[in-house]
PDB file of N, CA and C in Angstrom:
ATOM      1  N   MET A   1     195.526 159.243 117.382  1.00  0.00           N
ATOM      2  CA  MET A   1     195.506 160.567 117.258  1.00  0.00           C
ATOM      3  C   MET A   1     196.919 161.201 117.161  1.00  0.00           C
ATOM      4  N   ALA A   2     197.046 162.291 115.937  1.00  0.00           N
ATOM      5  CA  ALA A   2     198.104 162.885 115.860  1.00  0.00           C
ATOM      6  C   ALA A   2     198.169 163.693 116.844  1.00  0.00           C
ATOM      7  N   CYS A   3     199.687 164.059 117.168  1.00  0.00           N
ATOM      8  CA  CYS A   3     200.119 164.828 117.928  1.00  0.00           C
ATOM      9  C   CYS A   3     200.719 166.637 117.529  1.00  0.00           C
ATOM     10  N   ILE A   4     200.728 166.268 116.184  1.00  0.00           N
ATOM     11  CA  ILE A   4     200.920 167.410 115.267  1.00  0.00           C
ATOM     12  C   ILE A   4     199.552 168.212 114.292  1.00  0.00           C
ATOM     13  N   ASN A   5     198.910 169.021 114.517  1.00  0.00           N
ATOM     14  CA  ASN A   5     197.630 169.131 113.828  1.00  0.00           C
ATOM     15  C   ASN A   5     198.014 169.561 112.218  1.00  0.00           C
ATOM     16  N   PRO A   6     197.534 169.354 111.428  1.00  0.00           N
ATOM     17  CA  PRO A   6     197.463 169.894 109.864  1.00  0.00           C
ATOM     18  C   PRO A   6     197.622 171.423 109.900  1.00  0.00           C
ATOM     19  N   ASP A   7     197.574 172.211 110.866  1.00  0.00           N
ATOM     20  CA  ASP A   7     198.266 173.337 110.681  1.00  0.00           C
ATOM     21  C   ASP A   7     199.282 174.048 111.352  1.00  0.00           C
ATOM     22  N   GLY A   8     200.140 172.938 111.796  1.00  0.00           N
ATOM     23  CA  GLY A   8     201.251 172.651 112.582  1.00  0.00           C
ATOM     24  C   GLY A   8     201.492 173.253 114.107  1.00  0.00           C
ATOM     25  N   THR A   9     199.986 173.435 114.392  1.00  0.00           N
ATOM     26  CA  THR A   9     200.118 173.597 115.953  1.00  0.00           C
ATOM     27  C   THR A   9     200.348 172.163 116.578  1.00  0.00           C
ATOM     28  N   LEU A  10     200.440 172.056 118.162  1.00  0.00           N
ATOM     29  CA  LEU A  10     200.838 170.928 118.724  1.00  0.00           C
ATOM     30  C   LEU A  10     199.600 170.493 119.540  1.00  0.00           C
ATOM     31  N   ALA A  11     199.327 169.310 119.735  1.00  0.00           N
ATOM     32  CA  ALA A  11     198.650 168.865 120.484  1.00  0.00           C
ATOM     33  C   ALA A  11     199.005 168.855 121.810  1.00  0.00           C
ATOM     34  N   PRO A  12     198.015 169.025 122.615  1.00  0.00           N
ATOM     35  CA  PRO A  12     198.369 169.045 124.381  1.00  0.00           C
ATOM     36  C   PRO A  12     199.246 168.319 124.615  1.00  0.00           C
ATOM     37  N   SER A  13     199.246 166.967 124.063  1.00  0.00           N
ATOM     38  CA  SER A  13     200.189 165.952 124.868  1.00  0.00           C
ATOM     39  C   SER A  13     201.200 165.862 124.321  1.00  0.00           C
ATOM     40  N   ALA A  14     201.470 166.717 123.036  1.00  0.00           N
ATOM     41  CA  ALA A  14     202.997 167.075 122.152  1.00  0.00           C
ATOM     42  C   ALA A  14     203.597 167.738 123.174  1.00  0.00           C
ATOM     43  N   ILE A  15     202.686 169.068 123.483  1.00  0.00           N
ATOM     44  CA  ILE A  15     203.917 170.009 124.182  1.00  0.00           C
ATOM     45  C   ILE A  15     204.305 169.103 125.417  1.00  0.00           C
ATOM     46  N   GLN A  16     203.610 168.241 126.262  1.00  0.00           N
ATOM     47  CA  GLN A  16     203.629 168.111 127.392  1.00  0.00           C
ATOM     48  C   GLN A  16     205.019 167.186 127.255  1.00  0.00           C
ATOM     49  N   VAL A  17     205.200 166.223 126.125  1.00  0.00           N
ATOM     50  CA  VAL A  17     206.368 165.335 126.018  1.00  0.00           C
ATOM     51  C   VAL A  17     207.569 165.866 125.832  1.00  0.00           C
ATOM     52  N   LEU A  18     207.739 167.445 124.944  1.00  0.00           N
ATOM     53  CA  LEU A  18     208.591 168.270 124.367  1.00  0.00           C
ATOM     54  C   LEU A  18     208.898 168.872 125.672  1.00  0.00           C
ATOM     55  N   ARG A  19     207.880 169.570 126.395  1.00  0.00           N
ATOM     56  CA  ARG A  19     208.644 169.990 127.557  1.00  0.00           C
ATOM     57  C   ARG A  19     209.398 169.449 128.746  1.00  0.00           C
ATOM     58  N   GLU A  20     208.850 167.808 128.795  1.00  0.00           N
ATOM     59  CA  GLU A  20     209.547 166.897 129.825  1.00  0.00           C
ATOM     60  C   GLU A  20     211.339 166.552 129.263  1.00  0.00           C
ATOM     61  N   ALA A  21     211.103 166.460 127.756  1.00  0.00           N
ATOM     62  CA  ALA A  21     212.275 165.926 126.798  1.00  0.00           C
ATOM     63  C   ALA A  21     213.104 167.085 127.160  1.00  0.00           C
ATOM     64  N   GLU A  22     213.142 168.541 127.865  1.00  0.00           N
ATOM     65  CA  GLU A  22     214.636 168.979 127.784  1.00  0.00           C
ATOM     66  C   GLU A  22     215.516 168.696 128.430  1.00  0.00           C
ATOM     67  N   GLN A  23     215.518 167.691 129.000  1.00  0.00           N
ATOM     68  CA  GLN A  23     216.509 166.825 129.702  1.00  0.00           C
ATOM     69  C   GLN A  23     216.471 165.434 129.095  1.00  0.00           C
ATOM     70  N   PRO A  24     217.099 164.777 128.819  1.00  0.00           N
ATOM     71  CA  PRO A  24     217.250 163.299 127.962  1.00  0.00           C
ATOM     72  C   PRO A  24     216.345 162.412 128.793  1.00  0.00           C
ATOM     73  N   LYS A  25     215.601 161.876 128.524  1.00  0.00           N
ATOM     74  CA  LYS A  25     214.651 160.898 128.644  1.00  0.00           C
ATOM     75  C   LYS A  25     214.466 159.754 128.180  1.00  0.00           C
ATOM     76  N   THR A  26     214.104 158.538 128.472  1.00  0.00           N
ATOM     77  CA  THR A  26     213.461 157.685 127.685  1.00  0.00           C
ATOM     78  C   THR A  26     212.165 157.539 127.570  1.00  0.00           C
ATOM     79  N   ALA A  27     211.384 156.986 126.727  1.00  0.00           N
ATOM     80  CA  ALA A  27     210.267 156.728 126.611  1.00  0.00           C
ATOM     81  C   ALA A  27     209.467 156.404 127.588  1.00  0.00           C
ATOM     82  N   ALA A  28     209.681 155.484 128.384  1.00  0.00           N
ATOM     83  CA  ALA A  28     208.888 154.948 129.725  1.00  0.00           C
ATOM     84  C   ALA A  28     209.418 156.073 130.730  1.00  0.00           C
ATOM     85  N   GLU A  29     210.044 156.876 130.910  1.00  0.00           N
ATOM     86  CA  GLU A  29     210.292 157.841 131.926  1.00  0.00           C
ATOM     87  C   GLU A  29     209.400 158.993 131.315  1.00  0.00           C
ATOM     88  N   LEU A  30     209.181 159.304 130.029  1.00  0.00           N
ATOM     89  CA  LEU A  30     208.120 160.168 129.605  1.00  0.00           C
ATOM     90  C   LEU A  30     207.242 159.945 130.060  1.00  0.00           C
ATOM     91  N   ALA A  31     206.576 158.799 129.564  1.00  0.00           N
ATOM     92  CA  ALA A  31     205.328 158.204 130.164  1.00  0.00           C
ATOM     93  C   ALA A  31     204.834 158.173 131.348  1.00  0.00           C
ATOM     94  N   GLN A  32     206.198 158.076 132.308  1.00  0.00           N
ATOM     95  CA  GLN A  32     205.939 158.235 134.094  1.00  0.00           C
ATOM     96  C   GLN A  32     205.494 159.649 134.412  1.00  0.00           C
ATOM     97  N   ILE A  33     206.553 160.210 133.952  1.00  0.00           N
ATOM     98  CA  ILE A  33     206.253 161.692 134.437  1.00  0.00           C
ATOM     99  C   ILE A  33     205.178 162.396 133.554  1.00  0.00           C
ATOM    100  N   SER A  34     204.733 162.233 132.473  1.00  0.00           N
ATOM    101  CA  SER A  34     203.698 162.899 131.711  1.00  0.00           C
ATOM    102  C   SER A  34     202.338 162.092 132.219  1.00  0.00           C
ATOM    103  N   GLY A  35     202.247 161.091 132.868  1.00  0.00           N
ATOM    104  CA  GLY A  35     200.437 160.194 133.110  1.00  0.00           C
ATOM    105  C   GLY A  35     200.654 159.888 131.959  1.00  0.00           C
ATOM    106  N   LEU A  36     200.934 159.930 130.602  1.00  0.00           N
ATOM    107  CA  LEU A  36     200.229 159.514 129.543  1.00  0.00           C
ATOM    108  C   LEU A  36     200.585 157.993 129.605  1.00  0.00           C
ATOM    109  N   PRO A  37     200.063 157.184 128.634  1.00  0.00           N
ATOM    110  CA  PRO A  37     200.027 155.675 128.440  1.00  0.00           C
ATOM    111  C   PRO A  37     201.311 155.753 127.624  1.00  0.00           C
ATOM    112  N   LEU A  38     202.468 154.670 127.704  1.00  0.00           N
ATOM    113  CA  LEU A  38     203.288 154.528 126.980  1.00  0.00           C
ATOM    114  C   LEU A  38     202.844 154.388 125.483  1.00  0.00           C
ATOM    115  N   PHE A  39     202.093 153.570 125.074  1.00  0.00           N
ATOM    116  CA  PHE A  39     201.812 153.344 123.828  1.00  0.00           C
ATOM    117  C   PHE A  39     201.444 154.696 122.993  1.00  0.00           C
ATOM    118  N   ARG A  40     200.738 156.092 123.679  1.00  0.00           N
ATOM    119  CA  ARG A  40     200.893 157.394 123.221  1.00  0.00           C
ATOM    120  C   ARG A  40     202.015 157.812 123.117  1.00  0.00           C
ATOM    121  N   VAL A  41     203.004 157.918 124.163  1.00  0.00           N
ATOM    122  CA  VAL A  41     204.211 158.759 124.177  1.00  0.00           C
ATOM    123  C   VAL A  41     205.037 158.155 123.250  1.00  0.00           C
ATOM    124  N   ARG A  42     205.258 156.728 122.934  1.00  0.00           N
ATOM    125  CA  ARG A  42     205.860 156.257 121.668  1.00  0.00           C
ATOM    126  C   ARG A  42     205.471 156.750 120.366  1.00  0.00           C
ATOM    127  N   SER A  43     204.044 156.799 120.259  1.00  0.00           N
ATOM    128  CA  SER A  43     203.430 157.444 118.843  1.00  0.00           C
ATOM    129  C   SER A  43     203.636 158.533 118.850  1.00  0.00           C
ATOM    130  N   SER A  44     203.949 159.415 119.881  1.00  0.00           N
ATOM    131  CA  SER A  44     204.005 161.118 119.842  1.00  0.00           C
ATOM    132  C   SER A  44     205.672 161.182 119.263  1.00  0.00           C
ATOM    133  N   LEU A  45     206.666 160.594 120.276  1.00  0.00           N
ATOM    134  CA  LEU A  45     208.354 160.219 120.058  1.00  0.00           C
ATOM    135  C   LEU A  45     208.457 160.274 118.080  1.00  0.00           C
ATOM    136  N   ARG A  46     207.720 159.285 117.901  1.00  0.00           N
ATOM    137  CA  ARG A  46     208.117 158.918 116.560  1.00  0.00           C
ATOM    138  C   ARG A  46     207.482 160.082 115.585  1.00  0.00           C
ATOM    139  N   GLU A  47     206.342 160.748 115.699  1.00  0.00           N
ATOM    140  CA  GLU A  47     206.054 161.809 115.188  1.00  0.00           C
ATOM    141  C   GLU A  47     207.151 163.129 115.403  1.00  0.00           C
ATOM    142  N   LEU A  48     207.621 163.184 116.459  1.00  0.00           N
ATOM    143  CA  LEU A  48     208.044 164.250 116.953  1.00  0.00           C
ATOM    144  C   LEU A  48     209.223 164.496 116.301  1.00  0.00           C
ATOM    145  N   VAL A  49     209.949 163.025 116.271  1.00  0.00           N
ATOM    146  CA  VAL A  49     211.458 162.936 115.839  1.00  0.00           C
ATOM    147  C   VAL A  49     211.189 163.287 114.139  1.00  0.00           C
ATOM    148  N   GLN A  50     210.469 162.496 113.700  1.00  0.00           N
ATOM    149  CA  GLN A  50     209.994 162.734 112.215  1.00  0.00           C
ATOM    150  C   GLN A  50     210.030 164.212 111.750  1.00  0.00           C
ATOM    151  N   ALA A  51     209.041 165.088 113.127  1.00  0.00           N
ATOM    152  CA  ALA A  51     209.080 166.440 112.650  1.00  0.00           C
ATOM    153  C   ALA A  51     210.491 167.601 112.813  1.00  0.00           C
ATOM    154  N   GLY A  52     211.650 166.600 113.526  1.00  0.00           N
ATOM    155  CA  GLY A  52     212.631 167.348 113.811  1.00  0.00           C
ATOM    156  C   GLY A  52     212.655 168.227 115.059  1.00  0.00           C
ATOM    157  N   LEU A  53     211.687 167.905 115.809  1.00  0.00           N
ATOM    158  CA  LEU A  53     211.038 168.676 117.393  1.00  0.00           C
ATOM    159  C   LEU A  53     212.094 167.781 118.401  1.00  0.00           C
ATOM    160  N   LEU A  54     212.388 166.793 118.035  1.00  0.00           N
ATOM    161  CA  LEU A  54     212.778 165.785 119.291  1.00  0.00           C
ATOM    162  C   LEU A  54     214.063 165.104 118.351  1.00  0.00           C
ATOM    163  N   ARG A  55     215.295 164.279 119.293  1.00  0.00           N
ATOM    164  CA  ARG A  55     216.387 163.850 118.482  1.00  0.00           C
ATOM    165  C   ARG A  55     216.409 162.627 119.199  1.00  0.00           C
ATOM    166  N   GLU A  56     216.883 161.978 118.595  1.00  0.00           N
ATOM    167  CA  GLU A  56     217.388 160.274 119.575  1.00  0.00           C
ATOM    168  C   GLU A  56     218.899 160.355 119.931  1.00  0.00           C
ATOM    169  N   ASP A  57     218.939 159.994 120.886  1.00  0.00           N
ATOM    170  CA  ASP A  57     220.591 159.782 121.558  1.00  0.00           C
ATOM    171  C   ASP A  57     220.361 158.326 122.209  1.00  0.00           C
ATOM    172  N   GLY A  58     220.546 157.069 121.392  1.00  0.00           N
ATOM    173  CA  GLY A  58     220.629 155.934 122.094  1.00  0.00           C
ATOM    174  C   GLY A  58     219.204 155.685 122.390  1.00  0.00           C
ATOM    175  N   ASP A  59     219.108 155.349 123.470  1.00  0.00           N
ATOM    176  CA  ASP A  59     217.381 155.050 123.963  1.00  0.00           C
ATOM    177  C   ASP A  59     216.847 156.127 124.728  1.00  0.00           C
ATOM    178  N   HIS A  60     217.442 157.535 124.586  1.00  0.00           N
ATOM    179  CA  HIS A  60     216.703 158.773 124.905  1.00  0.00           C
ATOM    180  C   HIS A  60     216.537 159.815 123.888  1.00  0.00           C
ATOM    181  N   PHE A  61     215.698 160.943 124.231  1.00  0.00           N
ATOM    182  CA  PHE A  61     214.967 161.747 123.423  1.00  0.00           C
ATOM    183  C   PHE A  61     215.100 162.999 123.813  1.00  0.00           C
ATOM    184  N   VAL A  62     215.793 163.876 122.937  1.00  0.00           N
ATOM    185  CA  VAL A  62     216.281 165.317 123.695  1.00  0.00           C
ATOM    186  C   VAL A  62     215.607 166.329 122.619  1.00  0.00           C
ATOM    187  N   LEU A  63     215.124 167.472 123.429  1.00  0.00           N
ATOM    188  CA  LEU A  63     214.727 168.323 122.360  1.00  0.00           C
ATOM    189  C   LEU A  63     215.189 169.122 121.784  1.00  0.00           C
ATOM    190  N   THR A  64     215.139 169.507 120.390  1.00  0.00           N
ATOM    191  CA  THR A  64     216.076 169.858 119.332  1.00  0.00           C
ATOM    192  C   THR A  64     215.561 171.478 119.825  1.00  0.00           C
ATOM    193  N   GLU A  65     216.410 171.960 119.054  1.00  0.00           N
ATOM    194  CA  GLU A  65     215.986 173.766 118.692  1.00  0.00           C
ATOM    195  C   GLU A  65     215.003 173.916 118.365  1.00  0.00           C
ATOM    196  N   SER A  66     214.621 173.656 116.947  1.00  0.00           N
ATOM    197  CA  SER A  66     213.303 173.312 116.387  1.00  0.00           C
ATOM    198  C   SER A  66     211.984 172.943 117.352  1.00  0.00           C
ATOM    199  N   GLY A  67     212.460 172.009 118.225  1.00  0.00           N
ATOM    200  CA  GLY A  67     211.014 171.876 119.280  1.00  0.00           C
ATOM    201  C   GLY A  67     211.483 173.105 120.495  1.00  0.00           C
ATOM    202  N   ARG A  68     212.323 173.421 120.421  1.00  0.00           N
ATOM    203  CA  ARG A  68     212.360 174.607 121.599  1.00  0.00           C
ATOM    204  C   ARG A  68     211.686 175.867 121.155  1.00  0.00           C
ATOM    205  N   ALA A  69     211.653 175.800 119.701  1.00  0.00           N
ATOM    206  CA  ALA A  69     211.350 177.260 119.295  1.00  0.00           C
ATOM    207  C   ALA A  69     209.734 176.709 119.372  1.00  0.00           C
ATOM    208  N   LYS A  70     209.574 175.562 119.272  1.00  0.00           N
ATOM    209  CA  LYS A  70     207.579 175.379 119.205  1.00  0.00           C
ATOM    210  C   LYS A  70     207.168 175.777 120.360  1.00  0.00           C
ATOM    211  N   LEU A  71     207.746 175.295 121.430  1.00  0.00           N
ATOM    212  CA  LEU A  71     207.361 175.507 123.049  1.00  0.00           C
ATOM    213  C   LEU A  71     207.365 177.042 122.918  1.00  0.00           C
ATOM    214  N   GLU A  72     208.043 178.244 122.632  1.00  0.00           N
ATOM    215  CA  GLU A  72     208.126 179.514 122.659  1.00  0.00           C
ATOM    216  C   GLU A  72     206.779 180.326 122.155  1.00  0.00           C
TER     217      GLU A  72
END
């Protein structure tokens, strides 16, 4: 299941991951906090990084300015 819809809107799980990533977190931390399965979080992270809404910093994921704007 895609986390970014064809019209550019975000799926609820993507919004949840982005909100939790305002402070750097690992995929496992994001899964634990969000209650989403780790496989779903990892899939969302790949898509959100590719879209420029998150960036990787080592094994942590951080919200970008573009990601912050999507949440507004």
